[in-house]
Amino acid sequence: MSEHKMNDKSKDVELLFKAVRHRILYLAKINDLKISQVAARAGIRQSTLSEFMRGNSNGLRIVNLYRVCRHAFDMSLMEFFNDSIFDDSIMNNDMDTFFMSNKDDTDQDSEKDKDDISSLT
């Protein structure tokens, strides 16, 4: 596989992880949950979720994402991924634009989210 293709795949994975982290933070916010509470409800180790949320891990196992969806947010994986952040056009081209356009919605709580994530260490 060419280096260019590897870089594209690596970028795709990182964009997907960023979108999943954003979605988890958004759902935690609207459910008035801290990240530690999400992990507890999901029945997964706090460190597992916090490392992923900080971008310090190689991903979140699908079974753990399922547990987060089902037990912390009472939704299916299909419902979790049924969000405009996962649209191909955003994932392929406009992820930064998407985050910037939604920045006003999350600016006030971004520091709280960072504190929630930081408090997990």
N, C-alpha and C. Protein backbone atom coordinates (compact mmCIF):
# COMPACT_ATOMS: atom_id res chain seq x y z
N MET A 1 0.85 -1.18 0.00
CA MET A 1 0.00 0.00 0.00
C MET A 1 0.89 1.24 0.00
N SER A 2 0.51 2.21 -0.81
CA SER A 2 1.34 3.41 -0.91
C SER A 2 1.24 4.24 0.36
N GLU A 3 2.27 5.06 0.57
CA GLU A 3 2.29 5.92 1.76
C GLU A 3 1.13 6.90 1.73
N HIS A 4 0.76 7.37 0.53
CA HIS A 4 -0.37 8.30 0.39
C HIS A 4 -1.67 7.66 0.87
N LYS A 5 -1.88 6.40 0.46
CA LYS A 5 -3.10 5.70 0.89
C LYS A 5 -3.09 5.47 2.40
N MET A 6 -1.94 5.17 2.98
CA MET A 6 -1.84 4.98 4.42
C MET A 6 -2.17 6.28 5.15
N ASN A 7 -1.65 7.39 4.64
CA ASN A 7 -1.93 8.69 5.25
C ASN A 7 -3.41 9.01 5.17
N ASP A 8 -4.06 8.70 4.03
CA ASP A 8 -5.49 8.93 3.89
C ASP A 8 -6.27 8.09 4.88
N LYS A 9 -5.90 6.81 5.02
CA LYS A 9 -6.59 5.93 5.96
C LYS A 9 -6.39 6.42 7.39
N SER A 10 -5.18 6.82 7.70
CA SER A 10 -4.88 7.33 9.02
C SER A 10 -5.70 8.58 9.31
N LYS A 11 -5.81 9.44 8.33
CA LYS A 11 -6.60 10.66 8.48
C LYS A 11 -8.08 10.32 8.68
N ASP A 12 -8.58 9.35 7.89
CA ASP A 12 -9.97 8.92 8.02
C ASP A 12 -10.26 8.41 9.42
N VAL A 13 -9.37 7.59 9.94
CA VAL A 13 -9.55 7.03 11.27
C VAL A 13 -9.57 8.15 12.31
N GLU A 14 -8.65 9.07 12.21
CA GLU A 14 -8.59 10.17 13.17
C GLU A 14 -9.83 11.05 13.09
N LEU A 15 -10.33 11.30 11.88
CA LEU A 15 -11.56 12.08 11.73
C LEU A 15 -12.75 11.35 12.33
N LEU A 16 -12.80 10.03 12.12
CA LEU A 16 -13.89 9.25 12.69
C LEU A 16 -13.83 9.28 14.22
N PHE A 17 -12.64 9.10 14.79
CA PHE A 17 -12.51 9.16 16.25
C PHE A 17 -12.91 10.53 16.78
N LYS A 18 -12.52 11.58 16.07
CA LYS A 18 -12.88 12.94 16.49
C LYS A 18 -14.40 13.12 16.47
N ALA A 19 -15.04 12.60 15.44
CA ALA A 19 -16.50 12.69 15.35
C ALA A 19 -17.18 11.89 16.46
N VAL A 20 -16.67 10.70 16.76
CA VAL A 20 -17.24 9.89 17.84
C VAL A 20 -17.07 10.60 19.18
N ARG A 21 -15.89 11.17 19.42
CA ARG A 21 -15.67 11.91 20.67
C ARG A 21 -16.64 13.10 20.78
N HIS A 22 -16.79 13.82 19.68
CA HIS A 22 -17.71 14.96 19.66
C HIS A 22 -19.14 14.51 19.97
N ARG A 23 -19.55 13.41 19.36
CA ARG A 23 -20.91 12.91 19.57
C ARG A 23 -21.12 12.48 21.01
N ILE A 24 -20.15 11.80 21.59
CA ILE A 24 -20.26 11.38 22.99
C ILE A 24 -20.35 12.61 23.90
N LEU A 25 -19.51 13.60 23.67
CA LEU A 25 -19.56 14.82 24.48
C LEU A 25 -20.90 15.52 24.35
N TYR A 26 -21.41 15.59 23.13
CA TYR A 26 -22.71 16.23 22.90
C TYR A 26 -23.82 15.48 23.65
N LEU A 27 -23.84 14.16 23.52
CA LEU A 27 -24.87 13.37 24.19
C LEU A 27 -24.75 13.46 25.71
N ALA A 28 -23.53 13.48 26.21
CA ALA A 28 -23.33 13.65 27.65
C ALA A 28 -23.88 14.99 28.09
N LYS A 29 -23.60 16.02 27.31
CA LYS A 29 -24.06 17.37 27.64
C LYS A 29 -25.59 17.43 27.71
N ILE A 30 -26.26 16.91 26.68
CA ILE A 30 -27.72 17.04 26.67
C ILE A 30 -28.38 16.13 27.69
N ASN A 31 -27.64 15.12 28.16
CA ASN A 31 -28.16 14.24 29.21
C ASN A 31 -27.65 14.65 30.59
N ASP A 32 -26.94 15.78 30.64
CA ASP A 32 -26.40 16.33 31.88
C ASP A 32 -25.55 15.30 32.63
N LEU A 33 -24.64 14.67 31.88
CA LEU A 33 -23.76 13.65 32.44
C LEU A 33 -22.31 14.07 32.27
N LYS A 34 -21.51 13.76 33.26
CA LYS A 34 -20.07 13.88 33.12
C LYS A 34 -19.56 12.62 32.43
N ILE A 35 -18.38 12.72 31.84
CA ILE A 35 -17.80 11.57 31.16
C ILE A 35 -17.64 10.39 32.13
N SER A 36 -17.30 10.68 33.37
CA SER A 36 -17.17 9.61 34.36
C SER A 36 -18.51 8.92 34.60
N GLN A 37 -19.59 9.66 34.54
CA GLN A 37 -20.92 9.07 34.71
C GLN A 37 -21.30 8.24 33.49
N VAL A 38 -20.90 8.68 32.32
CA VAL A 38 -21.15 7.90 31.10
C VAL A 38 -20.47 6.54 31.22
N ALA A 39 -19.21 6.55 31.62
CA ALA A 39 -18.46 5.29 31.78
C ALA A 39 -19.13 4.39 32.81
N ALA A 40 -19.53 4.96 33.93
CA ALA A 40 -20.16 4.16 34.99
C ALA A 40 -21.46 3.54 34.50
N ARG A 41 -22.29 4.32 33.84
CA ARG A 41 -23.56 3.79 33.32
C ARG A 41 -23.33 2.71 32.28
N ALA A 42 -22.27 2.88 31.49
CA ALA A 42 -21.97 1.92 30.43
C ALA A 42 -21.33 0.66 30.98
N GLY A 43 -20.83 0.73 32.20
CA GLY A 43 -20.18 -0.44 32.79
C GLY A 43 -18.81 -0.70 32.21
N ILE A 44 -18.15 0.37 31.79
CA ILE A 44 -16.79 0.23 31.28
C ILE A 44 -15.84 1.01 32.18
N ARG A 45 -14.57 0.64 32.12
CA ARG A 45 -13.59 1.33 32.97
C ARG A 45 -13.53 2.80 32.60
N GLN A 46 -13.49 3.61 33.60
CA GLN A 46 -13.39 5.05 33.41
C GLN A 46 -12.15 5.40 32.58
N SER A 47 -11.05 4.72 32.84
CA SER A 47 -9.81 5.00 32.12
C SER A 47 -9.95 4.67 30.63
N THR A 48 -10.72 3.64 30.30
CA THR A 48 -10.93 3.27 28.90
C THR A 48 -11.58 4.41 28.14
N LEU A 49 -12.65 4.95 28.71
CA LEU A 49 -13.36 6.03 28.04
C LEU A 49 -12.56 7.34 28.08
N SER A 50 -11.96 7.64 29.20
CA SER A 50 -11.23 8.90 29.32
C SER A 50 -10.03 8.95 28.38
N GLU A 51 -9.32 7.84 28.25
CA GLU A 51 -8.17 7.81 27.33
C GLU A 51 -8.63 8.04 25.89
N PHE A 52 -9.73 7.42 25.51
CA PHE A 52 -10.27 7.65 24.17
C PHE A 52 -10.70 9.10 24.00
N MET A 53 -11.39 9.63 24.98
CA MET A 53 -11.91 10.99 24.88
C MET A 53 -10.78 12.02 24.79
N ARG A 54 -9.66 11.73 25.39
CA ARG A 54 -8.50 12.62 25.31
C ARG A 54 -7.69 12.41 24.04
N GLY A 55 -8.02 11.38 23.28
CA GLY A 55 -7.28 11.08 22.07
C GLY A 55 -5.99 10.34 22.34
N ASN A 56 -5.89 9.73 23.52
CA ASN A 56 -4.66 9.04 23.91
C ASN A 56 -4.74 7.53 23.72
N SER A 57 -5.72 7.06 22.96
CA SER A 57 -5.80 5.61 22.73
C SER A 57 -6.02 5.36 21.25
N ASN A 58 -5.92 4.12 20.87
CA ASN A 58 -6.09 3.74 19.47
C ASN A 58 -7.54 3.47 19.11
N GLY A 59 -8.45 3.98 19.88
CA GLY A 59 -9.86 3.81 19.56
C GLY A 59 -10.64 3.23 20.72
N LEU A 60 -11.91 3.07 20.47
CA LEU A 60 -12.84 2.52 21.44
C LEU A 60 -13.43 1.27 20.81
N ARG A 61 -13.28 0.15 21.48
CA ARG A 61 -13.83 -1.10 20.94
C ARG A 61 -15.32 -0.93 20.69
N ILE A 62 -15.80 -1.56 19.64
CA ILE A 62 -17.20 -1.41 19.26
C ILE A 62 -18.13 -1.89 20.37
N VAL A 63 -17.74 -2.90 21.12
CA VAL A 63 -18.58 -3.37 22.22
C VAL A 63 -18.69 -2.30 23.31
N ASN A 64 -17.60 -1.56 23.53
CA ASN A 64 -17.66 -0.48 24.52
C ASN A 64 -18.50 0.69 24.02
N LEU A 65 -18.40 0.99 22.73
CA LEU A 65 -19.26 2.04 22.17
C LEU A 65 -20.72 1.61 22.25
N TYR A 66 -20.99 0.34 21.99
CA TYR A 66 -22.35 -0.18 22.12
C TYR A 66 -22.86 0.02 23.56
N ARG A 67 -22.03 -0.30 24.53
CA ARG A 67 -22.42 -0.14 25.94
C ARG A 67 -22.68 1.32 26.28
N VAL A 68 -21.84 2.21 25.76
CA VAL A 68 -22.05 3.65 25.99
C VAL A 68 -23.40 4.05 25.40
N CYS A 69 -23.65 3.64 24.17
CA CYS A 69 -24.91 4.00 23.52
C CYS A 69 -26.11 3.44 24.28
N ARG A 70 -26.08 2.14 24.50
CA ARG A 70 -27.24 1.45 25.07
C ARG A 70 -27.48 1.83 26.53
N HIS A 71 -26.45 1.82 27.35
CA HIS A 71 -26.65 1.97 28.79
C HIS A 71 -26.50 3.39 29.31
N ALA A 72 -25.69 4.20 28.66
CA ALA A 72 -25.54 5.58 29.12
C ALA A 72 -26.53 6.51 28.44
N PHE A 73 -26.80 6.26 27.15
CA PHE A 73 -27.66 7.19 26.40
C PHE A 73 -28.97 6.57 25.94
N ASP A 74 -29.20 5.29 26.26
CA ASP A 74 -30.44 4.60 25.91
C ASP A 74 -30.75 4.73 24.41
N MET A 75 -29.74 4.43 23.59
CA MET A 75 -29.92 4.49 22.15
C MET A 75 -29.15 3.35 21.49
N SER A 76 -29.51 3.07 20.26
CA SER A 76 -28.81 2.04 19.50
C SER A 76 -27.59 2.65 18.81
N LEU A 77 -26.71 1.78 18.31
CA LEU A 77 -25.58 2.26 17.52
C LEU A 77 -26.08 3.00 16.28
N MET A 78 -27.16 2.51 15.70
CA MET A 78 -27.72 3.17 14.52
C MET A 78 -28.13 4.61 14.86
N GLU A 79 -28.78 4.78 15.99
CA GLU A 79 -29.17 6.13 16.41
C GLU A 79 -27.94 7.00 16.68
N PHE A 80 -26.92 6.41 17.28
CA PHE A 80 -25.70 7.15 17.58
C PHE A 80 -25.07 7.68 16.29
N PHE A 81 -24.96 6.83 15.28
CA PHE A 81 -24.31 7.22 14.03
C PHE A 81 -25.24 7.97 13.08
N ASN A 82 -26.51 8.07 13.42
CA ASN A 82 -27.47 8.80 12.59
C ASN A 82 -27.42 10.28 12.96
N ASP A 83 -26.29 10.90 12.67
CA ASP A 83 -26.06 12.29 12.98
C ASP A 83 -25.27 12.91 11.84
N SER A 84 -25.52 14.17 11.57
CA SER A 84 -24.88 14.81 10.41
C SER A 84 -23.35 14.83 10.51
N ILE A 85 -22.81 14.71 11.71
CA ILE A 85 -21.35 14.71 11.84
C ILE A 85 -20.72 13.52 11.11
N PHE A 86 -21.48 12.46 10.90
CA PHE A 86 -20.96 11.26 10.24
C PHE A 86 -21.26 11.23 8.74
N ASP A 87 -21.87 12.30 8.20
CA ASP A 87 -22.13 12.36 6.76
C ASP A 87 -20.81 12.32 6.00
N ASP A 88 -20.81 11.63 4.88
CA ASP A 88 -19.60 11.51 4.08
C ASP A 88 -19.01 12.86 3.70
N SER A 89 -19.87 13.81 3.34
CA SER A 89 -19.35 15.11 2.91
C SER A 89 -18.60 15.80 4.04
N ILE A 90 -19.07 15.64 5.24
CA ILE A 90 -18.39 16.25 6.39
C ILE A 90 -17.13 15.46 6.72
N MET A 91 -17.25 14.14 6.76
CA MET A 91 -16.10 13.31 7.10
C MET A 91 -14.97 13.49 6.08
N ASN A 92 -15.32 13.65 4.82
CA ASN A 92 -14.30 13.72 3.78
C ASN A 92 -13.74 15.11 3.54
N ASN A 93 -14.52 16.13 3.82
CA ASN A 93 -14.09 17.46 3.42
C ASN A 93 -14.21 18.53 4.49
N ASP A 94 -15.29 18.51 5.21
CA ASP A 94 -15.66 19.68 5.98
C ASP A 94 -15.68 19.49 7.49
N MET A 95 -14.90 18.56 8.02
CA MET A 95 -14.94 18.29 9.46
C MET A 95 -14.59 19.55 10.24
N ASP A 96 -13.54 20.25 9.86
CA ASP A 96 -13.16 21.45 10.59
C ASP A 96 -14.25 22.52 10.48
N THR A 97 -14.84 22.64 9.29
CA THR A 97 -15.94 23.60 9.10
C THR A 97 -17.11 23.22 9.98
N PHE A 98 -17.42 21.92 10.05
CA PHE A 98 -18.52 21.46 10.89
C PHE A 98 -18.29 21.84 12.35
N PHE A 99 -17.08 21.59 12.84
CA PHE A 99 -16.78 21.91 14.23
C PHE A 99 -16.83 23.41 14.46
N MET A 100 -16.35 24.19 13.51
CA MET A 100 -16.37 25.64 13.66
C MET A 100 -17.80 26.16 13.64
N SER A 101 -18.66 25.61 12.77
CA SER A 101 -20.04 26.09 12.68
C SER A 101 -20.84 25.71 13.91
N ASN A 102 -20.44 24.67 14.59
CA ASN A 102 -21.14 24.26 15.81
C ASN A 102 -20.42 24.74 17.06
N LYS A 103 -19.40 25.53 16.87
CA LYS A 103 -18.58 25.99 17.99
C LYS A 103 -19.39 26.82 18.98
N ASP A 104 -20.26 27.70 18.47
CA ASP A 104 -21.04 28.54 19.36
C ASP A 104 -21.92 27.71 20.28
N ASP A 105 -22.40 26.57 19.77
CA ASP A 105 -23.26 25.71 20.58
C ASP A 105 -22.49 25.06 21.72
N THR A 106 -21.20 24.85 21.51
CA THR A 106 -20.46 24.09 22.50
C THR A 106 -19.39 24.89 23.23
N ASP A 107 -19.14 26.12 22.80
CA ASP A 107 -18.09 26.92 23.43
C ASP A 107 -18.26 27.04 24.94
N GLN A 108 -19.47 27.31 25.37
CA GLN A 108 -19.69 27.55 26.80
C GLN A 108 -19.37 26.31 27.62
N ASP A 109 -19.58 25.16 27.04
CA ASP A 109 -19.37 23.94 27.80
C ASP A 109 -18.06 23.26 27.47
N SER A 110 -17.29 23.80 26.52
CA SER A 110 -16.06 23.13 26.15
C SER A 110 -15.07 23.06 27.30
N GLU A 111 -15.01 24.10 28.10
CA GLU A 111 -14.12 24.07 29.26
C GLU A 111 -14.62 23.06 30.28
N LYS A 112 -15.93 22.99 30.47
CA LYS A 112 -16.51 21.99 31.38
C LYS A 112 -16.18 20.58 30.88
N ASP A 113 -16.32 20.36 29.56
CA ASP A 113 -16.00 19.06 28.99
C ASP A 113 -14.54 18.71 29.22
N LYS A 114 -13.66 19.68 29.01
CA LYS A 114 -12.23 19.44 29.24
C LYS A 114 -11.99 19.11 30.70
N ASP A 115 -12.68 19.81 31.60
CA ASP A 115 -12.53 19.52 33.03
C ASP A 115 -13.03 18.13 33.35
N ASP A 116 -14.16 17.75 32.74
CA ASP A 116 -14.70 16.41 32.97
C ASP A 116 -13.70 15.36 32.54
N ILE A 117 -13.11 15.56 31.36
CA ILE A 117 -12.15 14.59 30.84
C ILE A 117 -10.90 14.61 31.70
N SER A 118 -10.42 15.79 32.06
CA SER A 118 -9.21 15.90 32.88
C SER A 118 -9.39 15.29 34.26
N SER A 119 -10.60 15.38 34.79
CA SER A 119 -10.84 14.86 36.14
C SER A 119 -10.78 13.35 36.20
N LEU A 120 -10.75 12.71 35.04
CA LEU A 120 -10.74 11.25 35.02
C LEU A 120 -9.37 10.66 35.22
N THR A 121 -8.34 11.50 35.23
CA THR A 121 -6.99 10.95 35.37
C THR A 121 -6.65 10.68 36.83
